[in-house]
Amino acid sequence: MSAIDDLEDQLDNLTIKILTPMRATKYVDREAFAQLNQIVVALARELADAELIPRRLVGKLWFIFTQALAEADHARAPEEILRCAWDYEDRLQQLFGPWFSSAPPTPGIPRY
């Protein structure tokens, strides 16, 4: 099993750990979000030289963010959910970009 496969398995487990209680009770597991952020940092190291990131992995990573935003829309007090979701999104931006060319106005290509 490669390091990326191991990180993806951890991501799958954290997805369930984060989203199930968030959906049921709007509970935010801060420790699980911290672990999720560490996984994104580890993925960034593993994929630093990769030209493209596998689409399946991209979908899994963004799914958590979009679901957290959806749950915040249905919460009476969405602040904690939004804080964790946007902090996670910052990590995703570091992984995916977008990066733009230094020569205006030609943009670069995001990695997904």
N, C-alpha and C. Protein backbone atom coordinates (compact mmCIF):
# COMPACT_ATOMS: atom_id res chain seq x y z
N MET A 1 0.85 -1.18 0.00
CA MET A 1 0.00 0.00 0.00
C MET A 1 0.90 1.24 0.00
N SER A 2 0.60 2.16 -0.89
CA SER A 2 1.42 3.37 -0.98
C SER A 2 1.00 4.37 0.11
N ALA A 3 1.82 5.38 0.29
CA ALA A 3 1.54 6.42 1.28
C ALA A 3 0.25 7.16 0.94
N ILE A 4 0.02 7.39 -0.34
CA ILE A 4 -1.20 8.09 -0.75
C ILE A 4 -2.42 7.22 -0.46
N ASP A 5 -2.34 5.92 -0.72
CA ASP A 5 -3.45 5.02 -0.41
C ASP A 5 -3.75 5.02 1.09
N ASP A 6 -2.70 5.02 1.90
CA ASP A 6 -2.88 5.05 3.35
C ASP A 6 -3.55 6.35 3.78
N LEU A 7 -3.11 7.46 3.23
CA LEU A 7 -3.71 8.75 3.55
C LEU A 7 -5.17 8.81 3.09
N GLU A 8 -5.46 8.19 1.95
CA GLU A 8 -6.83 8.17 1.46
C GLU A 8 -7.73 7.34 2.38
N ASP A 9 -7.21 6.23 2.90
CA ASP A 9 -7.97 5.42 3.86
C ASP A 9 -8.26 6.22 5.12
N GLN A 10 -7.26 6.96 5.60
CA GLN A 10 -7.47 7.82 6.77
C GLN A 10 -8.52 8.88 6.47
N LEU A 11 -8.47 9.43 5.27
CA LEU A 11 -9.44 10.44 4.85
C LEU A 11 -10.86 9.86 4.86
N ASP A 12 -11.01 8.64 4.36
CA ASP A 12 -12.33 7.99 4.36
C ASP A 12 -12.87 7.83 5.78
N ASN A 13 -12.01 7.40 6.69
CA ASN A 13 -12.43 7.22 8.09
C ASN A 13 -12.79 8.55 8.74
N LEU A 14 -12.01 9.57 8.47
CA LEU A 14 -12.31 10.89 9.04
C LEU A 14 -13.57 11.50 8.45
N THR A 15 -13.85 11.21 7.21
CA THR A 15 -15.08 11.71 6.59
C THR A 15 -16.29 11.24 7.38
N ILE A 16 -16.30 9.96 7.72
CA ILE A 16 -17.40 9.41 8.50
C ILE A 16 -17.40 10.01 9.91
N LYS A 17 -16.23 10.11 10.51
CA LYS A 17 -16.12 10.64 11.87
C LYS A 17 -16.57 12.10 11.96
N ILE A 18 -16.35 12.87 10.91
CA ILE A 18 -16.71 14.28 10.92
C ILE A 18 -18.17 14.50 10.50
N LEU A 19 -18.55 13.92 9.38
CA LEU A 19 -19.84 14.27 8.79
C LEU A 19 -21.05 13.61 9.45
N THR A 20 -20.90 12.42 10.00
CA THR A 20 -22.05 11.75 10.62
C THR A 20 -22.59 12.53 11.80
N PRO A 21 -21.77 12.89 12.80
CA PRO A 21 -22.33 13.68 13.91
C PRO A 21 -22.71 15.10 13.48
N MET A 22 -22.02 15.63 12.48
CA MET A 22 -22.36 16.97 12.02
C MET A 22 -23.76 16.96 11.40
N ARG A 23 -24.04 15.93 10.66
CA ARG A 23 -25.36 15.81 10.01
C ARG A 23 -26.45 15.56 11.04
N ALA A 24 -26.17 14.71 12.02
CA ALA A 24 -27.20 14.32 12.98
C ALA A 24 -27.46 15.39 14.04
N THR A 25 -26.40 15.99 14.57
CA THR A 25 -26.58 16.89 15.72
C THR A 25 -25.89 18.24 15.56
N LYS A 26 -25.26 18.47 14.41
CA LYS A 26 -24.49 19.70 14.14
C LYS A 26 -23.28 19.81 15.06
N TYR A 27 -22.82 18.67 15.57
CA TYR A 27 -21.62 18.62 16.42
C TYR A 27 -20.38 18.70 15.54
N VAL A 28 -19.40 19.51 15.94
CA VAL A 28 -18.15 19.64 15.22
C VAL A 28 -17.05 18.97 16.03
N ASP A 29 -16.43 17.97 15.45
CA ASP A 29 -15.32 17.27 16.10
C ASP A 29 -14.03 18.00 15.70
N ARG A 30 -13.59 18.90 16.55
CA ARG A 30 -12.41 19.72 16.25
C ARG A 30 -11.15 18.87 16.09
N GLU A 31 -11.03 17.83 16.89
CA GLU A 31 -9.86 16.95 16.80
C GLU A 31 -9.82 16.26 15.44
N ALA A 32 -10.97 15.81 14.96
CA ALA A 32 -11.03 15.16 13.65
C ALA A 32 -10.70 16.15 12.54
N PHE A 33 -11.17 17.38 12.66
CA PHE A 33 -10.81 18.40 11.66
C PHE A 33 -9.31 18.68 11.69
N ALA A 34 -8.71 18.69 12.87
CA ALA A 34 -7.26 18.90 12.97
C ALA A 34 -6.52 17.76 12.28
N GLN A 35 -6.99 16.53 12.49
CA GLN A 35 -6.38 15.38 11.81
C GLN A 35 -6.57 15.49 10.29
N LEU A 36 -7.73 15.95 9.87
CA LEU A 36 -8.01 16.14 8.45
C LEU A 36 -7.04 17.16 7.85
N ASN A 37 -6.81 18.25 8.56
CA ASN A 37 -5.86 19.25 8.08
C ASN A 37 -4.45 18.67 7.97
N GLN A 38 -4.07 17.80 8.90
CA GLN A 38 -2.77 17.16 8.84
C GLN A 38 -2.67 16.22 7.63
N ILE A 39 -3.76 15.55 7.30
CA ILE A 39 -3.77 14.68 6.12
C ILE A 39 -3.57 15.50 4.86
N VAL A 40 -4.20 16.66 4.77
CA VAL A 40 -4.04 17.51 3.58
C VAL A 40 -2.59 17.98 3.47
N VAL A 41 -1.97 18.32 4.58
CA VAL A 41 -0.56 18.73 4.56
C VAL A 41 0.31 17.56 4.09
N ALA A 42 0.03 16.36 4.60
CA ALA A 42 0.79 15.17 4.19
C ALA A 42 0.58 14.88 2.71
N LEU A 43 -0.66 15.02 2.23
CA LEU A 43 -0.92 14.83 0.80
C LEU A 43 -0.17 15.85 -0.05
N ALA A 44 -0.09 17.06 0.43
CA ALA A 44 0.65 18.10 -0.31
C ALA A 44 2.12 17.70 -0.45
N ARG A 45 2.68 17.12 0.61
CA ARG A 45 4.08 16.66 0.53
C ARG A 45 4.21 15.51 -0.45
N GLU A 46 3.29 14.55 -0.36
CA GLU A 46 3.35 13.37 -1.23
C GLU A 46 3.12 13.71 -2.71
N LEU A 47 2.28 14.70 -2.95
CA LEU A 47 1.90 15.04 -4.32
C LEU A 47 2.63 16.27 -4.85
N ALA A 48 3.67 16.69 -4.16
CA ALA A 48 4.38 17.92 -4.54
C ALA A 48 4.90 17.87 -5.97
N ASP A 49 5.37 16.72 -6.41
CA ASP A 49 5.94 16.61 -7.76
C ASP A 49 4.94 16.10 -8.78
N ALA A 50 3.72 15.81 -8.35
CA ALA A 50 2.71 15.28 -9.27
C ALA A 50 2.13 16.41 -10.11
N GLU A 51 1.96 16.12 -11.38
CA GLU A 51 1.36 17.11 -12.27
C GLU A 51 -0.14 17.21 -12.03
N LEU A 52 -0.77 16.06 -11.79
CA LEU A 52 -2.21 16.01 -11.55
C LEU A 52 -2.50 15.22 -10.28
N ILE A 53 -3.60 15.56 -9.63
CA ILE A 53 -4.07 14.83 -8.46
C ILE A 53 -5.26 13.99 -8.92
N PRO A 54 -5.32 12.71 -8.53
CA PRO A 54 -6.43 11.86 -8.99
C PRO A 54 -7.80 12.46 -8.66
N ARG A 55 -8.68 12.42 -9.64
CA ARG A 55 -10.00 13.02 -9.52
C ARG A 55 -10.78 12.46 -8.33
N ARG A 56 -10.68 11.16 -8.09
CA ARG A 56 -11.39 10.53 -6.97
C ARG A 56 -10.96 11.15 -5.65
N LEU A 57 -9.67 11.38 -5.49
CA LEU A 57 -9.13 11.98 -4.27
C LEU A 57 -9.58 13.44 -4.14
N VAL A 58 -9.58 14.15 -5.24
CA VAL A 58 -10.04 15.54 -5.23
C VAL A 58 -11.50 15.61 -4.77
N GLY A 59 -12.32 14.73 -5.30
CA GLY A 59 -13.73 14.70 -4.93
C GLY A 59 -13.93 14.43 -3.45
N LYS A 60 -13.18 13.49 -2.92
CA LYS A 60 -13.30 13.16 -1.50
C LYS A 60 -12.90 14.34 -0.62
N LEU A 61 -11.83 15.03 -1.00
CA LEU A 61 -11.36 16.16 -0.22
C LEU A 61 -12.36 17.31 -0.23
N TRP A 62 -12.89 17.65 -1.39
CA TRP A 62 -13.84 18.77 -1.48
C TRP A 62 -15.21 18.41 -0.93
N PHE A 63 -15.57 17.12 -0.94
CA PHE A 63 -16.86 16.69 -0.42
C PHE A 63 -17.04 17.09 1.04
N ILE A 64 -16.01 16.91 1.84
CA ILE A 64 -16.10 17.26 3.26
C ILE A 64 -16.39 18.75 3.41
N PHE A 65 -15.69 19.57 2.67
CA PHE A 65 -15.89 21.01 2.74
C PHE A 65 -17.31 21.40 2.34
N THR A 66 -17.77 20.91 1.20
CA THR A 66 -19.10 21.30 0.72
C THR A 66 -20.20 20.79 1.65
N GLN A 67 -20.03 19.60 2.21
CA GLN A 67 -21.03 19.08 3.15
C GLN A 67 -21.05 19.90 4.44
N ALA A 68 -19.88 20.33 4.90
CA ALA A 68 -19.84 21.15 6.11
C ALA A 68 -20.57 22.48 5.86
N LEU A 69 -20.37 23.08 4.70
CA LEU A 69 -21.10 24.31 4.39
C LEU A 69 -22.60 24.07 4.32
N ALA A 70 -23.00 22.94 3.76
CA ALA A 70 -24.42 22.62 3.69
C ALA A 70 -25.01 22.44 5.09
N GLU A 71 -24.28 21.79 5.96
CA GLU A 71 -24.77 21.60 7.34
C GLU A 71 -24.82 22.93 8.08
N ALA A 72 -23.90 23.82 7.82
CA ALA A 72 -23.92 25.14 8.45
C ALA A 72 -25.17 25.91 8.05
N ASP A 73 -25.63 25.70 6.82
CA ASP A 73 -26.86 26.37 6.36
C ASP A 73 -28.08 25.94 7.17
N HIS A 74 -28.02 24.75 7.77
CA HIS A 74 -29.16 24.21 8.51
C HIS A 74 -28.96 24.24 10.02
N ALA A 75 -27.94 24.93 10.48
CA ALA A 75 -27.65 24.98 11.91
C ALA A 75 -28.15 26.28 12.51
N ARG A 76 -28.59 26.21 13.75
CA ARG A 76 -29.01 27.44 14.45
C ARG A 76 -27.82 28.33 14.76
N ALA A 77 -26.69 27.69 15.08
CA ALA A 77 -25.45 28.43 15.37
C ALA A 77 -24.35 27.85 14.48
N PRO A 78 -24.21 28.36 13.26
CA PRO A 78 -23.28 27.77 12.30
C PRO A 78 -21.83 28.19 12.45
N GLU A 79 -21.51 29.06 13.38
CA GLU A 79 -20.18 29.67 13.43
C GLU A 79 -19.06 28.64 13.55
N GLU A 80 -19.21 27.67 14.44
CA GLU A 80 -18.14 26.69 14.64
C GLU A 80 -17.95 25.81 13.40
N ILE A 81 -19.04 25.40 12.80
CA ILE A 81 -18.95 24.61 11.57
C ILE A 81 -18.24 25.41 10.49
N LEU A 82 -18.64 26.65 10.32
CA LEU A 82 -18.03 27.49 9.29
C LEU A 82 -16.55 27.75 9.56
N ARG A 83 -16.20 27.96 10.81
CA ARG A 83 -14.79 28.21 11.16
C ARG A 83 -13.93 27.00 10.77
N CYS A 84 -14.39 25.81 11.13
CA CYS A 84 -13.62 24.60 10.80
C CYS A 84 -13.60 24.37 9.29
N ALA A 85 -14.73 24.58 8.63
CA ALA A 85 -14.81 24.35 7.19
C ALA A 85 -13.88 25.29 6.42
N TRP A 86 -13.87 26.57 6.78
CA TRP A 86 -13.04 27.53 6.04
C TRP A 86 -11.56 27.36 6.37
N ASP A 87 -11.25 26.91 7.57
CA ASP A 87 -9.86 26.60 7.90
C ASP A 87 -9.38 25.43 7.05
N TYR A 88 -10.23 24.44 6.91
CA TYR A 88 -9.93 23.28 6.06
C TYR A 88 -9.78 23.72 4.60
N GLU A 89 -10.64 24.62 4.15
CA GLU A 89 -10.56 25.10 2.77
C GLU A 89 -9.23 25.81 2.51
N ASP A 90 -8.72 26.52 3.51
CA ASP A 90 -7.40 27.14 3.36
C ASP A 90 -6.33 26.10 3.07
N ARG A 91 -6.40 24.97 3.74
CA ARG A 91 -5.44 23.88 3.50
C ARG A 91 -5.61 23.32 2.09
N LEU A 92 -6.86 23.20 1.65
CA LEU A 92 -7.10 22.70 0.29
C LEU A 92 -6.55 23.66 -0.75
N GLN A 93 -6.66 24.96 -0.52
CA GLN A 93 -6.11 25.93 -1.45
C GLN A 93 -4.59 25.77 -1.56
N GLN A 94 -3.94 25.44 -0.46
CA GLN A 94 -2.50 25.22 -0.49
C GLN A 94 -2.15 23.98 -1.30
N LEU A 95 -3.05 22.99 -1.27
CA LEU A 95 -2.81 21.76 -2.03
C LEU A 95 -3.12 21.94 -3.52
N PHE A 96 -4.25 22.56 -3.84
CA PHE A 96 -4.72 22.60 -5.22
C PHE A 96 -4.41 23.87 -5.98
N GLY A 97 -4.22 24.96 -5.32
CA GLY A 97 -4.04 26.21 -6.02
C GLY A 97 -5.33 27.00 -5.93
N PRO A 98 -5.73 27.85 -6.81
CA PRO A 98 -5.12 27.99 -8.12
C PRO A 98 -3.85 28.83 -8.08
N TRP A 99 -2.94 28.44 -8.91
CA TRP A 99 -1.72 29.23 -9.09
C TRP A 99 -1.81 29.86 -10.45
N PHE A 100 -1.37 31.07 -10.53
CA PHE A 100 -1.45 31.78 -11.78
C PHE A 100 -0.04 32.16 -12.24
N SER A 101 0.10 32.27 -13.51
CA SER A 101 1.37 32.65 -14.11
C SER A 101 1.78 34.04 -13.65
N SER A 102 3.06 34.27 -13.59
CA SER A 102 3.54 35.60 -13.21
C SER A 102 3.45 36.58 -14.38
N ALA A 103 3.23 36.07 -15.58
CA ALA A 103 3.12 36.94 -16.76
C ALA A 103 1.64 37.24 -17.01
N PRO A 104 1.20 38.44 -16.68
CA PRO A 104 -0.21 38.75 -16.89
C PRO A 104 -0.54 38.78 -18.37
N PRO A 105 -1.72 38.48 -18.77
CA PRO A 105 -2.88 38.03 -18.02
C PRO A 105 -3.11 36.53 -18.14
N THR A 106 -2.11 35.75 -18.46
CA THR A 106 -2.27 34.32 -18.69
C THR A 106 -2.29 33.55 -17.37
N PRO A 107 -3.43 32.92 -17.03
CA PRO A 107 -3.47 32.15 -15.78
C PRO A 107 -2.79 30.80 -15.94
N GLY A 108 -2.35 30.24 -14.83
CA GLY A 108 -1.79 28.91 -14.83
C GLY A 108 -2.91 27.88 -14.80
N ILE A 109 -2.56 26.64 -14.60
CA ILE A 109 -3.55 25.55 -14.63
C ILE A 109 -3.66 24.97 -13.23
N PRO A 110 -4.88 24.98 -12.64
CA PRO A 110 -5.04 24.30 -11.35
C PRO A 110 -4.71 22.81 -11.50
N ARG A 111 -4.35 22.17 -10.40
CA ARG A 111 -3.92 20.77 -10.44
C ARG A 111 -5.07 19.77 -10.33
N TYR A 112 -6.28 20.14 -10.62
CA TYR A 112 -7.38 19.19 -10.60
C TYR A 112 -8.27 19.40 -11.79
